Amino acid sequence: MENEYGSDFMTIVDEDGTEYELEVLSSLEYNGFTYLAVIPAGSDEAQDLQVSILKSVEEDGEPILCAIEDESELEAVYDLIMDELYAEEGEEEE
């Protein structure tokens, strides 16, 4: 995901109707699905930074974001996203 002009933000609503604002750090296509690495919007303190990886799937013709339940899928996607984020960080330093 190219972020030339800053980060992307999105609002999601859970099944209870609670809204969450998230900052999208990265996205990637893997095995026919889109995955997003997100953090809660406004997270400034490094020790509180918890990256979540969500999978976009279609349900009733609508895209929804869900947690990845398969441990090996989560690990593979996590590794790919971290590689991408660190590669982008290295490009910025050059």
PDB file of N, CA and C in Angstrom:
ATOM      1  N   MET A   1       0.846  -1.168   0.000  1.00  0.00           N
ATOM      2  CA  MET A   1       0.000   0.000   0.000  1.00  0.00           C
ATOM      3  C   MET A   1       0.889   1.227   0.000  1.00  0.00           C
ATOM      4  N   GLU A   2       0.685   2.087  -0.942  1.00  0.00           N
ATOM      5  CA  GLU A   2       1.470   3.311  -1.009  1.00  0.00           C
ATOM      6  C   GLU A   2       0.821   4.372  -0.124  1.00  0.00           C
ATOM      7  N   ASN A   3       1.592   4.931   0.772  1.00  0.00           N
ATOM      8  CA  ASN A   3       1.101   5.978   1.665  1.00  0.00           C
ATOM      9  C   ASN A   3       1.924   7.237   1.465  1.00  0.00           C
ATOM     10  N   GLU A   4       1.936   7.763   0.247  1.00  0.00           N
ATOM     11  CA  GLU A   4       2.734   8.942  -0.044  1.00  0.00           C
ATOM     12  C   GLU A   4       2.276  10.163   0.754  1.00  0.00           C
ATOM     13  N   TYR A   5       1.001  10.241   1.062  1.00  0.00           N
ATOM     14  CA  TYR A   5       0.448  11.430   1.694  1.00  0.00           C
ATOM     15  C   TYR A   5      -0.021  11.184   3.113  1.00  0.00           C
ATOM     16  N   GLY A   6       0.493  10.161   3.770  1.00  0.00           N
ATOM     17  CA  GLY A   6       0.104   9.882   5.143  1.00  0.00           C
ATOM     18  C   GLY A   6      -0.665   8.583   5.252  1.00  0.00           C
ATOM     19  N   SER A   7      -1.126   8.321   6.436  1.00  0.00           N
ATOM     20  CA  SER A   7      -1.804   7.061   6.720  1.00  0.00           C
ATOM     21  C   SER A   7      -3.259   7.093   6.282  1.00  0.00           C
ATOM     22  N   ASP A   8      -3.829   5.912   6.136  1.00  0.00           N
ATOM     23  CA  ASP A   8      -5.245   5.758   5.845  1.00  0.00           C
ATOM     24  C   ASP A   8      -5.962   5.402   7.136  1.00  0.00           C
ATOM     25  N   PHE A   9      -7.171   5.908   7.287  1.00  0.00           N
ATOM     26  CA  PHE A   9      -7.973   5.616   8.462  1.00  0.00           C
ATOM     27  C   PHE A   9      -9.299   5.023   8.020  1.00  0.00           C
ATOM     28  N   MET A  10      -9.854   4.175   8.864  1.00  0.00           N
ATOM     29  CA  MET A  10     -11.152   3.589   8.573  1.00  0.00           C
ATOM     30  C   MET A  10     -11.917   3.412   9.875  1.00  0.00           C
ATOM     31  N   THR A  11     -13.232   3.388   9.767  1.00  0.00           N
ATOM     32  CA  THR A  11     -14.084   3.124  10.922  1.00  0.00           C
ATOM     33  C   THR A  11     -14.786   1.798  10.674  1.00  0.00           C
ATOM     34  N   ILE A  12     -14.733   0.921  11.658  1.00  0.00           N
ATOM     35  CA  ILE A  12     -15.450  -0.348  11.557  1.00  0.00           C
ATOM     36  C   ILE A  12     -16.464  -0.420  12.688  1.00  0.00           C
ATOM     37  N   VAL A  13     -17.492  -1.215  12.479  1.00  0.00           N
ATOM     38  CA  VAL A  13     -18.550  -1.391  13.471  1.00  0.00           C
ATOM     39  C   VAL A  13     -18.647  -2.881  13.775  1.00  0.00           C
ATOM     40  N   ASP A  14     -18.578  -3.237  15.064  1.00  0.00           N
ATOM     41  CA  ASP A  14     -18.683  -4.653  15.424  1.00  0.00           C
ATOM     42  C   ASP A  14     -20.148  -5.079  15.486  1.00  0.00           C
ATOM     43  N   GLU A  15     -20.371  -6.340  15.779  1.00  0.00           N
ATOM     44  CA  GLU A  15     -21.736  -6.882  15.789  1.00  0.00           C
ATOM     45  C   GLU A  15     -22.618  -6.258  16.861  1.00  0.00           C
ATOM     46  N   ASP A  16     -22.012  -5.608  17.865  1.00  0.00           N
ATOM     47  CA  ASP A  16     -22.789  -4.933  18.913  1.00  0.00           C
ATOM     48  C   ASP A  16     -23.078  -3.477  18.569  1.00  0.00           C
ATOM     49  N   GLY A  17     -22.579  -3.010  17.407  1.00  0.00           N
ATOM     50  CA  GLY A  17     -22.805  -1.632  16.990  1.00  0.00           C
ATOM     51  C   GLY A  17     -21.755  -0.659  17.493  1.00  0.00           C
ATOM     52  N   THR A  18     -20.705  -1.154  18.148  1.00  0.00           N
ATOM     53  CA  THR A  18     -19.633  -0.292  18.647  1.00  0.00           C
ATOM     54  C   THR A  18     -18.703   0.077  17.493  1.00  0.00           C
ATOM     55  N   GLU A  19     -18.406   1.380  17.357  1.00  0.00           N
ATOM     56  CA  GLU A  19     -17.522   1.849  16.296  1.00  0.00           C
ATOM     57  C   GLU A  19     -16.092   1.942  16.793  1.00  0.00           C
ATOM     58  N   TYR A  20     -15.162   1.575  15.903  1.00  0.00           N
ATOM     59  CA  TYR A  20     -13.730   1.680  16.183  1.00  0.00           C
ATOM     60  C   TYR A  20     -13.064   2.385  15.023  1.00  0.00           C
ATOM     61  N   GLU A  21     -12.220   3.364  15.333  1.00  0.00           N
ATOM     62  CA  GLU A  21     -11.435   4.024  14.298  1.00  0.00           C
ATOM     63  C   GLU A  21     -10.055   3.381  14.276  1.00  0.00           C
ATOM     64  N   LEU A  22      -9.651   2.952  13.093  1.00  0.00           N
ATOM     65  CA  LEU A  22      -8.381   2.257  12.931  1.00  0.00           C
ATOM     66  C   LEU A  22      -7.501   2.978  11.918  1.00  0.00           C
ATOM     67  N   GLU A  23      -6.200   2.902  12.156  1.00  0.00           N
ATOM     68  CA  GLU A  23      -5.225   3.392  11.199  1.00  0.00           C
ATOM     69  C   GLU A  23      -4.675   2.183  10.460  1.00  0.00           C
ATOM     70  N   VAL A  24      -4.730   2.222   9.133  1.00  0.00           N
ATOM     71  CA  VAL A  24      -4.234   1.125   8.306  1.00  0.00           C
ATOM     72  C   VAL A  24      -2.750   1.355   8.054  1.00  0.00           C
ATOM     73  N   LEU A  25      -1.928   0.435   8.564  1.00  0.00           N
ATOM     74  CA  LEU A  25      -0.485   0.533   8.380  1.00  0.00           C
ATOM     75  C   LEU A  25      -0.054  -0.040   7.042  1.00  0.00           C
ATOM     76  N   SER A  26      -0.713  -1.115   6.639  1.00  0.00           N
ATOM     77  CA  SER A  26      -0.331  -1.798   5.408  1.00  0.00           C
ATOM     78  C   SER A  26      -1.463  -2.708   4.973  1.00  0.00           C
ATOM     79  N   SER A  27      -1.471  -3.019   3.690  1.00  0.00           N
ATOM     80  CA  SER A  27      -2.397  -4.023   3.186  1.00  0.00           C
ATOM     81  C   SER A  27      -1.660  -4.870   2.166  1.00  0.00           C
ATOM     82  N   LEU A  28      -2.124  -6.101   2.009  1.00  0.00           N
ATOM     83  CA  LEU A  28      -1.504  -6.958   1.012  1.00  0.00           C
ATOM     84  C   LEU A  28      -2.480  -7.994   0.523  1.00  0.00           C
ATOM     85  N   GLU A  29      -2.254  -8.441  -0.711  1.00  0.00           N
ATOM     86  CA  GLU A  29      -3.025  -9.511  -1.306  1.00  0.00           C
ATOM     87  C   GLU A  29      -2.232 -10.802  -1.114  1.00  0.00           C
ATOM     88  N   TYR A  30      -2.902 -11.849  -0.641  1.00  0.00           N
ATOM     89  CA  TYR A  30      -2.240 -13.127  -0.409  1.00  0.00           C
ATOM     90  C   TYR A  30      -3.273 -14.240  -0.563  1.00  0.00           C
ATOM     91  N   ASN A  31      -2.992 -15.186  -1.421  1.00  0.00           N
ATOM     92  CA  ASN A  31      -3.880 -16.326  -1.674  1.00  0.00           C
ATOM     93  C   ASN A  31      -5.320 -15.908  -1.989  1.00  0.00           C
ATOM     94  N   GLY A  32      -5.460 -14.817  -2.743  1.00  0.00           N
ATOM     95  CA  GLY A  32      -6.787 -14.383  -3.172  1.00  0.00           C
ATOM     96  C   GLY A  32      -7.569 -13.567  -2.171  1.00  0.00           C
ATOM     97  N   PHE A  33      -6.969 -13.227  -1.053  1.00  0.00           N
ATOM     98  CA  PHE A  33      -7.636 -12.414  -0.035  1.00  0.00           C
ATOM     99  C   PHE A  33      -6.832 -11.145   0.228  1.00  0.00           C
ATOM    100  N   THR A  34      -7.494 -10.129   0.743  1.00  0.00           N
ATOM    101  CA  THR A  34      -6.831  -8.898   1.159  1.00  0.00           C
ATOM    102  C   THR A  34      -6.705  -8.914   2.672  1.00  0.00           C
ATOM    103  N   TYR A  35      -5.521  -8.552   3.153  1.00  0.00           N
ATOM    104  CA  TYR A  35      -5.247  -8.495   4.589  1.00  0.00           C
ATOM    105  C   TYR A  35      -4.821  -7.084   4.943  1.00  0.00           C
ATOM    106  N   LEU A  36      -5.228  -6.615   6.108  1.00  0.00           N
ATOM    107  CA  LEU A  36      -4.884  -5.284   6.586  1.00  0.00           C
ATOM    108  C   LEU A  36      -4.185  -5.363   7.931  1.00  0.00           C
ATOM    109  N   ALA A  37      -3.090  -4.632   8.066  1.00  0.00           N
ATOM    110  CA  ALA A  37      -2.438  -4.463   9.366  1.00  0.00           C
ATOM    111  C   ALA A  37      -2.927  -3.128   9.909  1.00  0.00           C
ATOM    112  N   VAL A  38      -3.566  -3.148  11.067  1.00  0.00           N
ATOM    113  CA  VAL A  38      -4.183  -1.940  11.627  1.00  0.00           C
ATOM    114  C   VAL A  38      -3.805  -1.757  13.094  1.00  0.00           C
ATOM    115  N   ILE A  39      -3.897  -0.506  13.527  1.00  0.00           N
ATOM    116  CA  ILE A  39      -3.761  -0.160  14.938  1.00  0.00           C
ATOM    117  C   ILE A  39      -4.904   0.788  15.281  1.00  0.00           C
ATOM    118  N   PRO A  40      -5.258   0.891  16.544  1.00  0.00           N
ATOM    119  CA  PRO A  40      -6.278   1.871  16.920  1.00  0.00           C
ATOM    120  C   PRO A  40      -5.794   3.280  16.565  1.00  0.00           C
ATOM    121  N   ALA A  41      -6.656   4.089  15.980  1.00  0.00           N
ATOM    122  CA  ALA A  41      -6.290   5.454  15.605  1.00  0.00           C
ATOM    123  C   ALA A  41      -5.894   6.234  16.839  1.00  0.00           C
ATOM    124  N   GLY A  42      -4.855   7.035  16.704  1.00  0.00           N
ATOM    125  CA  GLY A  42      -4.400   7.858  17.807  1.00  0.00           C
ATOM    126  C   GLY A  42      -3.469   7.156  18.768  1.00  0.00           C
ATOM    127  N   SER A  43      -3.013   5.963  18.439  1.00  0.00           N
ATOM    128  CA  SER A  43      -2.067   5.238  19.301  1.00  0.00           C
ATOM    129  C   SER A  43      -0.684   5.842  19.127  1.00  0.00           C
ATOM    130  N   ASP A  44      -0.239   6.613  20.125  1.00  0.00           N
ATOM    131  CA  ASP A  44       1.054   7.292  20.019  1.00  0.00           C
ATOM    132  C   ASP A  44       2.150   6.607  20.808  1.00  0.00           C
ATOM    133  N   GLU A  45       1.787   5.939  21.887  1.00  0.00           N
ATOM    134  CA  GLU A  45       2.807   5.354  22.744  1.00  0.00           C
ATOM    135  C   GLU A  45       3.226   3.994  22.216  1.00  0.00           C
ATOM    136  N   ALA A  46       4.531   3.829  21.988  1.00  0.00           N
ATOM    137  CA  ALA A  46       5.055   2.603  21.385  1.00  0.00           C
ATOM    138  C   ALA A  46       4.706   1.361  22.203  1.00  0.00           C
ATOM    139  N   GLN A  47       4.719   1.470  23.532  1.00  0.00           N
ATOM    140  CA  GLN A  47       4.441   0.275  24.336  1.00  0.00           C
ATOM    141  C   GLN A  47       2.971  -0.135  24.239  1.00  0.00           C
ATOM    142  N   ASP A  48       2.080   0.779  23.872  1.00  0.00           N
ATOM    143  CA  ASP A  48       0.670   0.454  23.736  1.00  0.00           C
ATOM    144  C   ASP A  48       0.306   0.013  22.323  1.00  0.00           C
ATOM    145  N   LEU A  49       1.266   0.064  21.424  1.00  0.00           N
ATOM    146  CA  LEU A  49       1.013  -0.235  20.027  1.00  0.00           C
ATOM    147  C   LEU A  49       0.791  -1.730  19.829  1.00  0.00           C
ATOM    148  N   GLN A  50      -0.429  -2.091  19.481  1.00  0.00           N
ATOM    149  CA  GLN A  50      -0.759  -3.480  19.216  1.00  0.00           C
ATOM    150  C   GLN A  50      -1.311  -3.566  17.803  1.00  0.00           C
ATOM    151  N   VAL A  51      -0.535  -4.197  16.920  1.00  0.00           N
ATOM    152  CA  VAL A  51      -0.936  -4.345  15.530  1.00  0.00           C
ATOM    153  C   VAL A  51      -1.888  -5.531  15.418  1.00  0.00           C
ATOM    154  N   SER A  52      -3.009  -5.312  14.759  1.00  0.00           N
ATOM    155  CA  SER A  52      -3.955  -6.386  14.479  1.00  0.00           C
ATOM    156  C   SER A  52      -3.940  -6.634  12.975  1.00  0.00           C
ATOM    157  N   ILE A  53      -4.064  -7.884  12.593  1.00  0.00           N
ATOM    158  CA  ILE A  53      -4.145  -8.230  11.179  1.00  0.00           C
ATOM    159  C   ILE A  53      -5.535  -8.778  10.925  1.00  0.00           C
ATOM    160  N   LEU A  54      -6.239  -8.139   9.999  1.00  0.00           N
ATOM    161  CA  LEU A  54      -7.604  -8.522   9.674  1.00  0.00           C
ATOM    162  C   LEU A  54      -7.677  -9.016   8.236  1.00  0.00           C
ATOM    163  N   LYS A  55      -8.586  -9.926   7.990  1.00  0.00           N
ATOM    164  CA  LYS A  55      -8.779 -10.515   6.666  1.00  0.00           C
ATOM    165  C   LYS A  55     -10.101 -10.010   6.103  1.00  0.00           C
ATOM    166  N   SER A  56     -10.085  -9.586   4.851  1.00  0.00           N
ATOM    167  CA  SER A  56     -11.302  -9.142   4.187  1.00  0.00           C
ATOM    168  C   SER A  56     -11.935 -10.332   3.468  1.00  0.00           C
ATOM    169  N   VAL A  57     -13.161 -10.646   3.830  1.00  0.00           N
ATOM    170  CA  VAL A  57     -13.906 -11.731   3.194  1.00  0.00           C
ATOM    171  C   VAL A  57     -15.278 -11.201   2.786  1.00  0.00           C
ATOM    172  N   GLU A  58     -15.915 -11.888   1.850  1.00  0.00           N
ATOM    173  CA  GLU A  58     -17.262 -11.490   1.445  1.00  0.00           C
ATOM    174  C   GLU A  58     -18.294 -12.341   2.165  1.00  0.00           C
ATOM    175  N   GLU A  59     -19.289 -11.671   2.692  1.00  0.00           N
ATOM    176  CA  GLU A  59     -20.402 -12.347   3.347  1.00  0.00           C
ATOM    177  C   GLU A  59     -21.674 -11.707   2.836  1.00  0.00           C
ATOM    178  N   ASP A  60     -22.528 -12.500   2.227  1.00  0.00           N
ATOM    179  CA  ASP A  60     -23.765 -11.993   1.612  1.00  0.00           C
ATOM    180  C   ASP A  60     -23.461 -10.891   0.593  1.00  0.00           C
ATOM    181  N   GLY A  61     -22.355 -11.050  -0.134  1.00  0.00           N
ATOM    182  CA  GLY A  61     -21.990 -10.088  -1.168  1.00  0.00           C
ATOM    183  C   GLY A  61     -21.352  -8.808  -0.659  1.00  0.00           C
ATOM    184  N   GLU A  62     -21.158  -8.706   0.639  1.00  0.00           N
ATOM    185  CA  GLU A  62     -20.565  -7.517   1.255  1.00  0.00           C
ATOM    186  C   GLU A  62     -19.199  -7.854   1.830  1.00  0.00           C
ATOM    187  N   PRO A  63     -18.210  -6.979   1.631  1.00  0.00           N
ATOM    188  CA  PRO A  63     -16.900  -7.238   2.256  1.00  0.00           C
ATOM    189  C   PRO A  63     -16.962  -6.959   3.756  1.00  0.00           C
ATOM    190  N   ILE A  64     -16.407  -7.878   4.544  1.00  0.00           N
ATOM    191  CA  ILE A  64     -16.307  -7.677   5.987  1.00  0.00           C
ATOM    192  C   ILE A  64     -14.880  -7.999   6.416  1.00  0.00           C
ATOM    193  N   LEU A  65     -14.466  -7.421   7.521  1.00  0.00           N
ATOM    194  CA  LEU A  65     -13.149  -7.701   8.084  1.00  0.00           C
ATOM    195  C   LEU A  65     -13.322  -8.656   9.252  1.00  0.00           C
ATOM    196  N   CYS A  66     -12.453  -9.657   9.296  1.00  0.00           N
ATOM    197  CA  CYS A  66     -12.552 -10.621  10.392  1.00  0.00           C
ATOM    198  C   CYS A  66     -11.154 -11.007  10.863  1.00  0.00           C
ATOM    199  N   ALA A  67     -11.102 -11.551  12.058  1.00  0.00           N
ATOM    200  CA  ALA A  67      -9.843 -12.045  12.617  1.00  0.00           C
ATOM    201  C   ALA A  67      -9.441 -13.308  11.875  1.00  0.00           C
ATOM    202  N   ILE A  68      -8.142 -13.558  11.827  1.00  0.00           N
ATOM    203  CA  ILE A  68      -7.624 -14.766  11.187  1.00  0.00           C
ATOM    204  C   ILE A  68      -7.544 -15.846  12.261  1.00  0.00           C
ATOM    205  N   GLU A  69      -8.281 -16.922  12.060  1.00  0.00           N
ATOM    206  CA  GLU A  69      -8.340 -17.980  13.068  1.00  0.00           C
ATOM    207  C   GLU A  69      -7.293 -19.066  12.859  1.00  0.00           C
ATOM    208  N   ASP A  70      -6.845 -19.264  11.623  1.00  0.00           N
ATOM    209  CA  ASP A  70      -5.850 -20.293  11.324  1.00  0.00           C
ATOM    210  C   ASP A  70      -4.457 -19.762  11.678  1.00  0.00           C
ATOM    211  N   GLU A  71      -3.809 -20.430  12.624  1.00  0.00           N
ATOM    212  CA  GLU A  71      -2.516 -19.966  13.142  1.00  0.00           C
ATOM    213  C   GLU A  71      -1.438 -19.895  12.062  1.00  0.00           C
ATOM    214  N   SER A  72      -1.384 -20.868  11.161  1.00  0.00           N
ATOM    215  CA  SER A  72      -0.355 -20.853  10.114  1.00  0.00           C
ATOM    216  C   SER A  72      -0.620 -19.755   9.100  1.00  0.00           C
ATOM    217  N   GLU A  73      -1.888 -19.484   8.787  1.00  0.00           N
ATOM    218  CA  GLU A  73      -2.244 -18.384   7.886  1.00  0.00           C
ATOM    219  C   GLU A  73      -1.850 -17.053   8.523  1.00  0.00           C
ATOM    220  N   LEU A  74      -2.162 -16.878   9.799  1.00  0.00           N
ATOM    221  CA  LEU A  74      -1.821 -15.651  10.506  1.00  0.00           C
ATOM    222  C   LEU A  74      -0.313 -15.431  10.514  1.00  0.00           C
ATOM    223  N   GLU A  75       0.449 -16.470  10.797  1.00  0.00           N
ATOM    224  CA  GLU A  75       1.905 -16.356  10.843  1.00  0.00           C
ATOM    225  C   GLU A  75       2.476 -15.986   9.470  1.00  0.00           C
ATOM    226  N   ALA A  76       1.971 -16.600   8.405  1.00  0.00           N
ATOM    227  CA  ALA A  76       2.455 -16.310   7.051  1.00  0.00           C
ATOM    228  C   ALA A  76       2.157 -14.864   6.665  1.00  0.00           C
ATOM    229  N   VAL A  77       0.932 -14.416   6.935  1.00  0.00           N
ATOM    230  CA  VAL A  77       0.543 -13.045   6.593  1.00  0.00           C
ATOM    231  C   VAL A  77       1.325 -12.048   7.448  1.00  0.00           C
ATOM    232  N   TYR A  78       1.485 -12.337   8.727  1.00  0.00           N
ATOM    233  CA  TYR A  78       2.250 -11.460   9.620  1.00  0.00           C
ATOM    234  C   TYR A  78       3.672 -11.280   9.081  1.00  0.00           C
ATOM    235  N   ASP A  79       4.332 -12.384   8.715  1.00  0.00           N
ATOM    236  CA  ASP A  79       5.698 -12.307   8.194  1.00  0.00           C
ATOM    237  C   ASP A  79       5.762 -11.461   6.928  1.00  0.00           C
ATOM    238  N   LEU A  80       4.807 -11.637   6.017  1.00  0.00           N
ATOM    239  CA  LEU A  80       4.794 -10.867   4.772  1.00  0.00           C
ATOM    240  C   LEU A  80       4.583  -9.379   5.036  1.00  0.00           C
ATOM    241  N   ILE A  81       3.661  -9.065   5.934  1.00  0.00           N
ATOM    242  CA  ILE A  81       3.387  -7.654   6.242  1.00  0.00           C
ATOM    243  C   ILE A  81       4.583  -7.014   6.932  1.00  0.00           C
ATOM    244  N   MET A  82       5.198  -7.707   7.872  1.00  0.00           N
ATOM    245  CA  MET A  82       6.365  -7.146   8.561  1.00  0.00           C
ATOM    246  C   MET A  82       7.524  -6.936   7.587  1.00  0.00           C
ATOM    247  N   ASP A  83       7.735  -7.881   6.675  1.00  0.00           N
ATOM    248  CA  ASP A  83       8.773  -7.711   5.653  1.00  0.00           C
ATOM    249  C   ASP A  83       8.507  -6.461   4.825  1.00  0.00           C
ATOM    250  N   GLU A  84       7.239  -6.265   4.450  1.00  0.00           N
ATOM    251  CA  GLU A  84       6.858  -5.098   3.648  1.00  0.00           C
ATOM    252  C   GLU A  84       7.057  -3.802   4.430  1.00  0.00           C
ATOM    253  N   LEU A  85       6.633  -3.776   5.686  1.00  0.00           N
ATOM    254  CA  LEU A  85       6.778  -2.569   6.498  1.00  0.00           C
ATOM    255  C   LEU A  85       8.248  -2.219   6.725  1.00  0.00           C
ATOM    256  N   TYR A  86       9.081  -3.215   7.006  1.00  0.00           N
ATOM    257  CA  TYR A  86      10.499  -2.948   7.223  1.00  0.00           C
ATOM    258  C   TYR A  86      11.192  -2.540   5.935  1.00  0.00           C
ATOM    259  N   ALA A  87      10.755  -3.067   4.799  1.00  0.00           N
ATOM    260  CA  ALA A  87      11.314  -2.670   3.507  1.00  0.00           C
ATOM    261  C   ALA A  87      10.993  -1.208   3.234  1.00  0.00           C
ATOM    262  N   GLU A  88       9.747  -0.796   3.514  1.00  0.00           N
ATOM    263  CA  GLU A  88       9.351   0.609   3.327  1.00  0.00           C
ATOM    264  C   GLU A  88      10.144   1.513   4.251  1.00  0.00           C
ATOM    265  N   GLU A  89      10.358   1.067   5.497  1.00  0.00           N
ATOM    266  CA  GLU A  89      11.132   1.860   6.458  1.00  0.00           C
ATOM    267  C   GLU A  89      12.557   2.049   5.981  1.00  0.00           C
ATOM    268  N   GLY A  90      13.159   1.005   5.420  1.00  0.00           N
ATOM    269  CA  GLY A  90      14.513   1.083   4.884  1.00  0.00           C
ATOM    270  C   GLY A  90      14.609   2.025   3.703  1.00  0.00           C
ATOM    271  N   GLU A  91      13.578   2.072   2.856  1.00  0.00           N
ATOM    272  CA  GLU A  91      13.556   2.977   1.713  1.00  0.00           C
ATOM    273  C   GLU A  91      13.508   4.429   2.186  1.00  0.00           C
ATOM    274  N   GLU A  92      12.751   4.712   3.248  1.00  0.00           N
ATOM    275  CA  GLU A  92      12.637   6.075   3.764  1.00  0.00           C
ATOM    276  C   GLU A  92      13.960   6.580   4.308  1.00  0.00           C
ATOM    277  N   GLU A  93      14.781   5.686   4.874  1.00  0.00           N
ATOM    278  CA  GLU A  93      16.050   6.084   5.480  1.00  0.00           C
ATOM    279  C   GLU A  93      17.103   6.396   4.446  1.00  0.00           C
ATOM    280  N   GLU A  94      16.961   5.873   3.228  1.00  0.00           N
ATOM    281  CA  GLU A  94      17.973   6.081   2.193  1.00  0.00           C
ATOM    282  C   GLU A  94      17.959   7.469   1.643  1.00  0.00           C
TER     283      GLU A  94
END
